[in-house]
C-alpha cells in the first residue's frame, strides 16, 4: 500500500544520481523524502564539481540531503559542464560504486528529455554503470522539455514533503537565482494534473533486459492509483479495448456502455502523456482475435456478449462470469444472485505471451458501467485500488447499490505471477 511502512522483505536500496548538486532535490526531493519515510535506504551520487565553487557546493549538497533524511552522499568529481558518458567516466563511477558496495534496486536519475548536456550525459552514465535495476527518470523544471517527457510514476507534494523539499533547496544559496528562474510549484502542479494530484513530481520508468519484478518496485512509490493499475498493462506499448455487445433487451445498456467507455477514454487522454496508448475495436470480429494475440487487452462484457472474454474464461484466466442474471464463481459453481454484481480483473493473458488482460463485466448495465468506471478512476475507491498494488494478477467481485453508488467487495483474489521474458 503506498504510504505505509515497507515490510523488511520489500525495503529497497535506492541510488539517486544527479549531474550537479541540487539536481536530485529539484527533480526528486519528494520521492526521496517518501522513500526514507517508508524505510527504504537512499544514497546520493553527484557526478560533477565546479572548478571554483566545488567544495562549497558539496557542503550545500550534504546539508540538503540531510534535510531529506539522507546521510550517504558520494561525489564522483567529474568536470561540471563537460560530463561525458565515455569509458573513463563510466569506469570511475563504476569503481566508486564498487568501493562503496552500492548495489541499488532502483536508480533515480535524469530524463533524456532535457536541454542541459550534463543532465543528458548523467542519464547515460547511470544506465551504463548500473545493471539489474529499475530506473526512474526525473526532470528539472528549468531545463525540462515537457513535450518529450512521459512520466508514469508520480509522487505527491504532500505538505510535509513540500516542506522538506523547500528546506533542502534552501541549503543552496549559491544556486537560488538559478533555481528561482522559473516557477517550480507551477511545474509540479502541471505534473500533478496528470495524476489527479494537486502537485507532484513525475518519473519516467526504465527497465533493463533480464530484470525481474522491477516495475512493481517502482510503482510502489507512486501516489497515482491510475498509473499503478495501468502501467504494468501498457509499459511502453499499447493496450486494446475490445468491447462486447450491449445487453440484449435493455436499451439502457448501450447508454451505460458508451458512457463508461467515454470515461475510460478520457482518463487516458487526461492522465497518460503521449504517445496515447489506447486502441479500440469491437470484440466480436476477426480483427479482435488478431489484436488479442499481439498485446495487452481490455475486455468489457461477459462471455455471452464478448468472444474475447469467452476465450479468457475458456483458458481458465478468469474466476467469474456473468450470465442468466447472476454472477457465477467458476471455481466453485456458486452463483451470487445480486442483480447489480460484477467483476474486474487484471491477469496474465493466455492469448499473448508476456501481455496482460484486464476484464470488466456486470450482471446489469449499471454493474457493467461501474466496473469500467473503476478502471477509469481507481483512486476514488482506495480499498479496491490497493488490491492491485504489488500484484500483477488480481480479481475482484463486487456489488453496487444503483441508488447510492455504494460498493461492496464480495471476493478478492490475488497472486504473484511474474510474466515471462523481459516484460515486468
Protein backbone atom coordinates (compact mmCIF):
# COMPACT_ATOMS: atom_id res chain seq x y z
CA UNK A 1 0.00 0.00 0.00
CA UNK A 2 1.55 3.34 -0.99
CA UNK A 3 2.26 5.43 2.10
CA UNK A 4 2.57 2.51 4.52
CA UNK A 5 5.84 1.34 6.04
CA UNK A 6 7.58 -1.06 3.69
CA UNK A 7 7.92 -4.63 5.04
CA UNK A 8 11.54 -5.65 5.55
CA UNK A 9 11.35 -8.03 2.59
CA UNK A 10 10.30 -5.15 0.33
CA UNK A 11 12.73 -2.48 1.53
CA UNK A 12 14.64 -1.08 -1.39
CA UNK A 13 18.13 0.23 -1.97
CA UNK A 14 17.70 3.44 -3.94
CA UNK A 15 20.54 5.35 -5.58
CA UNK A 16 19.77 8.90 -6.71
CA UNK A 17 22.20 10.13 -9.37
CA UNK A 18 22.42 13.83 -10.21
CA UNK A 19 24.67 15.65 -12.62
CA UNK A 20 25.12 18.54 -10.16
CA UNK A 21 24.43 19.33 -6.52
CA UNK A 22 20.73 20.36 -6.22
CA UNK A 23 19.54 18.28 -9.22
CA UNK A 24 18.28 15.40 -7.09
CA UNK A 25 16.47 17.73 -4.70
CA UNK A 26 14.86 19.68 -7.55
CA UNK A 27 13.64 16.68 -9.52
CA UNK A 28 13.13 14.04 -6.84
CA UNK A 29 13.12 15.66 -3.41
CA UNK A 30 9.58 14.50 -2.60
CA UNK A 31 10.33 10.96 -3.79
CA UNK A 32 13.45 10.82 -1.61
CA UNK A 33 11.51 12.09 1.41
CA UNK A 34 8.78 9.49 0.82
CA UNK A 35 11.27 6.65 0.32
CA UNK A 36 13.11 7.49 3.53
CA UNK A 37 9.82 7.70 5.44
CA UNK A 38 8.90 4.24 4.13
CA UNK A 39 12.14 2.80 5.47
CA UNK A 40 13.99 2.41 2.17
CA UNK A 41 17.74 3.04 2.02
CA UNK A 42 18.64 6.06 -0.11
CA UNK A 43 22.09 7.17 -1.26
CA UNK A 44 23.08 10.22 -3.33
CA UNK A 45 25.69 10.27 -6.08
CA UNK A 46 26.62 13.65 -7.56
CA UNK A 47 28.68 13.32 -10.72
CA UNK A 48 30.29 16.75 -11.28
CA UNK A 49 32.08 19.55 -9.40
CA UNK A 50 32.55 23.17 -10.33
CA UNK A 51 36.14 24.30 -10.84
CA UNK A 52 35.88 27.27 -8.44
CA UNK A 53 32.98 26.52 -6.07
CA UNK A 54 33.11 22.73 -5.90
CA UNK A 55 33.83 22.49 -2.16
CA UNK A 56 31.09 24.95 -1.23
CA UNK A 57 28.51 23.18 -3.36
CA UNK A 58 29.47 19.81 -1.88
CA UNK A 59 28.80 21.20 1.59
CA UNK A 60 25.41 22.56 0.42
CA UNK A 61 24.54 19.16 -1.02
CA UNK A 62 25.38 17.28 2.18
CA UNK A 63 23.21 19.63 4.25
CA UNK A 64 20.34 19.44 1.74
CA UNK A 65 20.47 15.63 1.70
CA UNK A 66 20.28 15.52 5.49
CA UNK A 67 17.14 17.66 5.31
CA UNK A 68 15.56 14.83 3.30
CA UNK A 69 16.87 12.14 5.67
CA UNK A 70 19.86 11.02 3.56
CA UNK A 71 23.33 10.77 5.09
CA UNK A 72 25.13 8.73 2.42
CA UNK A 73 26.28 11.27 -0.18
CA UNK A 74 29.01 10.46 -2.73
CA UNK A 75 30.80 12.68 -5.25
CA UNK A 76 32.39 11.44 -8.46
CA UNK A 77 34.34 14.68 -9.03
CA UNK A 78 33.83 14.82 -12.81
CA UNK A 79 34.07 18.18 -14.55
CA UNK A 80 30.99 20.39 -14.49
CA UNK A 81 29.78 21.32 -17.97
CA UNK A 82 31.91 18.67 -19.63
CA UNK A 83 30.29 15.44 -18.43
CA UNK A 84 30.52 12.61 -20.94
CA UNK A 85 29.36 9.02 -20.79
CA UNK A 86 32.71 7.83 -22.08
CA UNK A 87 34.87 4.94 -20.94
CA UNK A 88 36.84 6.95 -18.37
CA UNK A 89 33.73 8.38 -16.70
CA UNK A 90 31.91 5.06 -16.64
CA UNK A 91 34.94 3.26 -15.16
CA UNK A 92 35.38 5.94 -12.50
CA UNK A 93 31.75 5.83 -11.40
CA UNK A 94 31.64 2.04 -11.51
CA UNK A 95 34.74 1.87 -9.29
CA UNK A 96 33.19 4.34 -6.84
CA UNK A 97 30.01 2.27 -6.50
CA UNK A 98 32.01 -0.95 -6.19
CA UNK A 99 34.19 0.52 -3.44
CA UNK A 100 31.10 1.80 -1.60
CA UNK A 101 29.35 -1.58 -2.10
CA UNK A 102 26.32 0.16 -3.57
CA UNK A 103 24.08 -2.30 -5.45
CA UNK A 104 20.80 -0.42 -5.94
CA UNK A 105 17.41 -1.93 -6.69
CA UNK A 106 16.24 1.38 -8.14
CA UNK A 107 18.29 4.16 -9.73
CA UNK A 108 16.72 7.63 -9.80
CA UNK A 109 18.34 9.93 -12.35
CA UNK A 110 17.79 12.46 -15.13
CA UNK A 111 15.50 12.05 -18.10
CA UNK A 112 16.89 12.47 -21.60
CA UNK A 113 14.06 14.93 -22.26
CA UNK A 114 16.28 17.79 -21.09
CA UNK A 115 18.15 20.65 -22.75
CA UNK A 116 21.19 20.55 -20.41
CA UNK A 117 24.04 18.48 -21.82
CA UNK A 118 25.25 17.36 -18.37
CA UNK A 119 21.77 16.10 -17.46
CA UNK A 120 21.53 14.02 -20.62
CA UNK A 121 25.02 12.60 -20.10
CA UNK A 122 24.23 11.80 -16.45
CA UNK A 123 21.31 9.69 -17.68
CA UNK A 124 23.68 7.79 -19.96
CA UNK A 125 26.33 7.32 -17.28
CA UNK A 126 23.79 5.90 -14.83
CA UNK A 127 22.49 3.44 -17.40
CA UNK A 128 25.99 2.41 -18.43
CA UNK A 129 27.13 1.79 -14.86
CA UNK A 130 24.12 0.15 -13.22
CA UNK A 131 22.79 -3.30 -14.07
CA UNK A 132 19.89 -5.44 -12.83
CA UNK A 133 17.97 -2.41 -11.68
CA UNK A 134 14.88 -0.36 -12.36
CA UNK A 135 15.19 3.28 -13.37
CA UNK A 136 13.12 6.32 -12.52
CA UNK A 137 13.90 9.41 -14.61
CA UNK A 138 13.12 12.87 -13.25
CA UNK A 139 13.01 16.26 -14.97
CA UNK A 140 14.47 19.60 -13.87
CA UNK A 141 11.98 22.43 -14.32
CA UNK A 142 14.49 24.99 -15.64
CA UNK A 143 15.75 22.71 -18.44
CA UNK A 144 12.83 20.31 -18.98
CA UNK A 145 11.39 19.51 -22.39
CA UNK A 146 7.79 18.63 -21.47
CA UNK A 147 6.78 17.56 -24.96
CA UNK A 148 9.26 14.66 -24.73
CA UNK A 149 8.87 13.87 -21.01
CA UNK A 150 6.46 10.95 -20.39
CA UNK A 151 6.18 10.23 -16.65
CA UNK A 152 4.43 7.10 -15.39
CA UNK A 153 5.23 7.28 -11.66
CA UNK A 154 4.03 10.26 -9.62
CA UNK A 155 4.89 11.31 -6.06
CA UNK A 156 2.60 13.84 -4.41
CA UNK A 157 3.95 17.02 -2.87
CA UNK A 158 2.15 16.50 0.43
CA UNK A 159 2.57 19.36 2.93
CA UNK A 160 5.32 17.50 4.78
CA UNK A 161 7.20 16.51 1.61
CA UNK A 162 6.86 20.02 0.18
CA UNK A 163 8.24 21.47 3.42
CA UNK A 164 11.20 19.09 3.36
CA UNK A 165 11.91 19.78 -0.29
CA UNK A 166 11.78 23.54 0.22
CA UNK A 167 14.06 23.24 3.25
CA UNK A 168 16.54 21.15 1.26
CA UNK A 169 16.65 23.64 -1.60
CA UNK A 170 17.15 26.48 0.88
CA UNK A 171 20.58 24.96 1.60
CA UNK A 172 21.68 26.07 -1.89
CA UNK A 173 22.09 29.87 -1.56
CA UNK A 174 24.69 29.77 -4.34
CA UNK A 175 22.01 28.49 -6.72
CA UNK A 176 18.98 30.45 -5.50
CA UNK A 177 18.81 32.74 -8.54
CA UNK A 178 19.06 29.81 -10.97
CA UNK A 179 16.53 27.66 -9.09
CA UNK A 180 14.05 30.54 -8.91
CA UNK A 181 14.33 31.49 -12.58
CA UNK A 182 11.14 29.52 -13.33
CA UNK A 183 8.23 28.62 -11.01
CA UNK A 184 8.88 25.13 -9.63
CA UNK A 185 5.49 24.86 -7.89
CA UNK A 186 3.69 25.69 -11.15
CA UNK A 187 5.69 23.00 -12.94
CA UNK A 188 4.81 20.48 -10.22
CA UNK A 189 1.14 21.44 -10.48
CA UNK A 190 1.25 20.59 -14.18
CA UNK A 191 2.70 17.17 -13.42
CA UNK A 192 0.14 16.68 -10.68
CA UNK A 193 -2.76 17.15 -13.11
CA UNK A 194 -1.61 14.04 -14.97
CA UNK A 195 -2.11 12.03 -11.77
CA UNK A 196 -5.16 13.77 -10.28
CA UNK A 197 -2.88 15.29 -7.63
CA UNK A 198 -2.52 18.93 -6.61
CA UNK A 199 1.27 18.94 -7.09
CA UNK A 200 3.60 16.08 -7.93
CA UNK A 201 6.99 15.01 -9.14
CA UNK A 202 6.84 12.79 -12.21
CA UNK A 203 9.17 10.00 -13.28
CA UNK A 204 9.61 8.01 -16.45
CA UNK A 205 10.27 4.33 -15.92
CA UNK A 206 13.06 2.25 -17.41
CA UNK A 207 13.60 -1.50 -17.31
CA UNK A 208 16.71 -3.36 -18.40
CA UNK A 209 16.58 -6.67 -20.22
CA UNK A 210 16.59 -9.62 -17.83
CA UNK A 211 15.42 -7.62 -14.84
CA UNK A 212 12.51 -9.15 -12.93
CA UNK A 213 9.82 -7.57 -10.76
CA UNK A 214 11.21 -4.10 -11.38
CA UNK A 215 8.05 -2.31 -12.44
CA UNK A 216 6.19 -3.28 -9.29
CA UNK A 217 9.11 -1.98 -7.23
CA UNK A 218 8.91 1.45 -8.82
CA UNK A 219 5.11 1.56 -8.79
CA UNK A 220 5.16 1.03 -5.03
CA UNK A 221 6.50 4.58 -4.72
CA UNK A 222 3.73 6.11 -6.86
CA UNK A 223 0.81 8.09 -5.48
CA UNK A 224 -1.24 7.76 -8.69
CA UNK A 225 -3.73 4.91 -8.46
CA UNK A 226 -4.48 5.19 -12.18
CA UNK A 227 -0.85 4.69 -13.20
CA UNK A 228 -0.27 1.95 -10.62
CA UNK A 229 -3.11 -0.02 -12.21
CA UNK A 230 -2.30 0.60 -15.87
CA UNK A 231 1.49 0.89 -16.12
CA UNK A 232 2.05 -2.91 -15.82
CA UNK A 233 -0.53 -3.44 -18.56
CA UNK A 234 0.85 -0.91 -21.02
CA UNK A 235 4.53 -0.38 -20.16
CA UNK A 236 5.78 1.42 -23.28
CA UNK A 237 3.39 -0.28 -25.67
CA UNK A 238 -0.35 -0.02 -26.31
CA UNK A 239 -3.47 -1.66 -24.92
CA UNK A 240 -6.55 -2.54 -26.96
CA UNK A 241 -10.06 -2.06 -25.62
CA UNK A 242 -12.28 -4.80 -27.03
CA UNK A 243 -15.88 -4.06 -26.13
CA UNK A 244 -18.69 -6.53 -26.37
CA UNK A 245 -22.28 -6.15 -27.49
CA UNK A 246 -24.83 -4.42 -25.31
CA UNK A 247 -27.14 -6.40 -23.02
CA UNK A 248 -29.97 -7.79 -25.10
CA UNK A 249 -33.40 -6.39 -24.44
CA UNK A 250 -32.22 -3.43 -22.37
CA UNK A 251 -31.93 -0.12 -24.27
CA UNK A 252 -30.13 1.45 -21.30
CA UNK A 253 -27.28 -0.97 -21.83
CA UNK A 254 -25.89 0.98 -24.79
CA UNK A 255 -26.11 4.24 -22.86
CA UNK A 256 -24.26 2.83 -19.86
CA UNK A 257 -21.66 1.09 -22.01
CA UNK A 258 -20.88 4.17 -24.07
CA UNK A 259 -20.73 6.45 -21.03
CA UNK A 260 -18.29 4.13 -19.26
CA UNK A 261 -16.07 3.77 -22.32
CA UNK A 262 -16.08 7.53 -22.82
CA UNK A 263 -14.88 7.93 -19.23
CA UNK A 264 -12.09 5.38 -19.68
CA UNK A 265 -11.02 7.02 -22.93
CA UNK A 266 -10.97 10.48 -21.30
CA UNK A 267 -8.93 9.18 -18.38
CA UNK A 268 -6.17 8.12 -20.75
CA UNK A 269 -6.36 11.48 -22.54
CA UNK A 270 -6.08 13.35 -19.23
CA UNK A 271 -3.58 11.16 -17.39
CA UNK A 272 -1.31 9.48 -19.93
CA UNK A 273 1.30 11.67 -21.63
CA UNK A 274 1.87 10.97 -25.34
CA UNK A 275 2.05 8.62 -27.06
CA UNK A 276 -1.61 7.83 -26.43
CA UNK A 277 -1.78 4.08 -25.65
CA UNK A 278 -5.43 3.09 -26.04
CA UNK A 279 -6.71 1.40 -29.21
CA UNK A 280 -10.35 0.35 -29.60
CA UNK A 281 -12.24 -2.31 -31.52
CA UNK A 282 -15.38 -4.40 -31.30
CA UNK A 283 -14.68 -7.75 -29.71
CA UNK A 284 -16.79 -9.91 -31.96
CA UNK A 285 -14.70 -9.53 -35.13
CA UNK A 286 -11.81 -11.38 -36.73
CA UNK A 287 -9.68 -8.27 -36.15
CA UNK A 288 -10.26 -8.61 -32.41
CA UNK A 289 -8.75 -12.09 -32.40
CA UNK A 290 -5.61 -10.74 -34.07
CA UNK A 291 -5.35 -7.80 -31.68
CA UNK A 292 -5.77 -10.05 -28.64
CA UNK A 293 -2.90 -12.20 -29.87
CA UNK A 294 -0.49 -9.29 -30.23
CA UNK A 295 -0.54 -7.42 -26.91
CA UNK A 296 -2.34 -6.41 -23.74
CA UNK A 297 -6.10 -6.03 -23.88
CA UNK A 298 -9.13 -4.76 -22.01
CA UNK A 299 -12.40 -6.64 -22.43
CA UNK A 300 -15.81 -5.38 -21.37
CA UNK A 301 -18.83 -7.61 -21.10
CA UNK A 302 -19.30 -11.25 -20.20
CA UNK A 303 -18.72 -14.34 -22.32
CA UNK A 304 -22.19 -14.13 -23.86
CA UNK A 305 -21.52 -10.71 -25.39
CA UNK A 306 -17.74 -10.72 -25.90
CA UNK A 307 -15.88 -13.53 -27.68
CA UNK A 308 -12.51 -12.45 -26.22
CA UNK A 309 -13.89 -12.65 -22.69
CA UNK A 310 -15.19 -16.11 -23.59
CA UNK A 311 -11.67 -17.14 -24.64
CA UNK A 312 -10.21 -15.82 -21.38
CA UNK A 313 -12.79 -17.86 -19.48
CA UNK A 314 -12.15 -20.98 -21.54
CA UNK A 315 -8.42 -20.68 -20.82
CA UNK A 316 -9.12 -20.52 -17.08
CA UNK A 317 -7.77 -16.99 -16.69
CA UNK A 318 -10.90 -15.54 -15.05
CA UNK A 319 -12.61 -16.63 -11.85
CA UNK A 320 -16.01 -15.10 -12.63
CA UNK A 321 -18.66 -14.98 -15.34
CA UNK A 322 -21.92 -13.07 -15.66
CA UNK A 323 -24.85 -14.95 -17.17
CA UNK A 324 -28.54 -15.65 -16.57
CA UNK A 325 -28.96 -12.74 -14.17
CA UNK A 326 -26.24 -13.77 -11.75
CA UNK A 327 -22.52 -13.65 -11.05
CA UNK A 328 -21.06 -17.16 -11.10
CA UNK A 329 -17.86 -18.25 -9.35
CA UNK A 330 -16.22 -20.58 -11.86
CA UNK A 331 -14.05 -22.17 -9.16
CA UNK A 332 -16.98 -23.40 -7.09
CA UNK A 333 -20.01 -23.08 -9.37
CA UNK A 334 -21.67 -20.90 -6.73
CA UNK A 335 -23.96 -18.15 -8.04
CA UNK A 336 -24.47 -14.76 -6.46
CA UNK A 337 -27.96 -13.56 -7.25
CA UNK A 338 -27.22 -9.87 -6.70
CA UNK A 339 -28.70 -8.10 -9.71
CA UNK A 340 -26.03 -5.42 -9.66
CA UNK A 341 -22.92 -7.59 -9.21
CA UNK A 342 -19.85 -7.65 -11.42
CA UNK A 343 -16.12 -8.20 -11.52
CA UNK A 344 -12.88 -6.62 -12.65
CA UNK A 345 -9.62 -8.49 -13.17
CA UNK A 346 -6.02 -7.98 -14.23
CA UNK A 347 -4.43 -11.27 -15.24
CA UNK A 348 -1.67 -12.70 -17.40
CA UNK A 349 -3.14 -13.01 -20.87
CA UNK A 350 -3.42 -16.59 -22.14
CA UNK A 351 -3.80 -15.16 -25.65
CA UNK A 352 -0.44 -13.38 -25.92
CA UNK A 353 2.91 -14.14 -24.36
CA UNK A 354 4.19 -11.52 -21.92
CA UNK A 355 0.98 -9.46 -22.01
CA UNK A 356 -1.79 -8.72 -19.53
CA UNK A 357 -5.57 -8.84 -19.87
CA UNK A 358 -7.90 -6.54 -17.97
CA UNK A 359 -11.55 -7.60 -17.84
CA UNK A 360 -14.71 -5.95 -16.54
CA UNK A 361 -18.28 -7.24 -16.68
CA UNK A 362 -21.53 -6.86 -14.79
CA UNK A 363 -24.82 -8.70 -14.40
CA UNK A 364 -26.72 -5.45 -15.06
CA UNK A 365 -25.83 -2.44 -17.23
CA UNK A 366 -25.27 -0.43 -14.02
CA UNK A 367 -22.80 -3.00 -12.69
CA UNK A 368 -21.06 -3.25 -16.06
CA UNK A 369 -20.68 0.54 -16.14
CA UNK A 370 -19.38 0.58 -12.58
CA UNK A 371 -16.66 -1.92 -13.41
CA UNK A 372 -15.31 0.20 -16.27
CA UNK A 373 -15.59 3.37 -14.15
CA UNK A 374 -13.44 1.70 -11.51
CA UNK A 375 -10.80 1.05 -14.16
CA UNK A 376 -11.03 4.68 -15.31
CA UNK A 377 -10.58 6.13 -11.83
CA UNK A 378 -9.39 3.51 -9.33
CA UNK A 379 -8.29 6.21 -6.91
CA UNK A 380 -11.87 7.02 -5.96
CA UNK A 381 -12.08 3.57 -4.37
CA UNK A 382 -8.80 3.24 -2.41
CA UNK A 383 -9.79 -0.11 -0.94
CA UNK A 384 -10.12 -1.51 -4.45
CA UNK A 385 -7.00 0.19 -5.85
CA UNK A 386 -4.94 -1.39 -3.07
CA UNK A 387 -5.94 -4.87 -4.25
CA UNK A 388 -3.89 -4.37 -7.42
CA UNK A 389 -0.89 -2.78 -5.70
CA UNK A 390 2.10 -5.08 -5.57
CA UNK A 391 0.47 -7.90 -7.53
CA UNK A 392 0.37 -8.34 -11.27
CA UNK A 393 -2.69 -10.57 -11.05
CA UNK A 394 -5.79 -9.71 -9.04
CA UNK A 395 -9.52 -10.27 -9.42
CA UNK A 396 -12.38 -8.58 -7.57
CA UNK A 397 -16.08 -9.40 -7.46
CA UNK A 398 -18.31 -6.55 -6.31
CA UNK A 399 -21.89 -5.42 -5.88
CA UNK A 400 -23.02 -1.83 -6.33
CA UNK A 401 -26.10 -0.04 -4.99
CA UNK A 402 -27.50 1.78 -8.05
CA UNK A 403 -29.22 4.37 -5.86
CA UNK A 404 -26.22 5.41 -3.78
CA UNK A 405 -23.22 4.07 -5.70
CA UNK A 406 -22.04 2.28 -2.56
CA UNK A 407 -19.64 -0.52 -3.41
CA UNK A 408 -19.35 -3.88 -1.64
CA UNK A 409 -16.37 -6.12 -2.33
CA UNK A 410 -17.72 -9.67 -2.50
CA UNK A 411 -14.48 -11.52 -3.17
CA UNK A 412 -10.81 -10.65 -3.70
CA UNK A 413 -8.10 -12.95 -5.01
CA UNK A 414 -4.51 -12.02 -5.77
CA UNK A 415 -1.50 -13.94 -6.89
CA UNK A 416 2.05 -13.07 -7.77
CA UNK A 417 2.61 -14.35 -11.28
CA UNK A 418 5.60 -12.66 -12.92
CA UNK A 419 5.30 -12.61 -16.67
CA UNK A 420 7.80 -14.44 -18.82
CA UNK A 421 10.68 -12.83 -20.63
CA UNK A 422 11.62 -9.18 -20.21
CA UNK A 423 8.24 -7.60 -19.69
CA UNK A 424 7.69 -6.74 -15.98
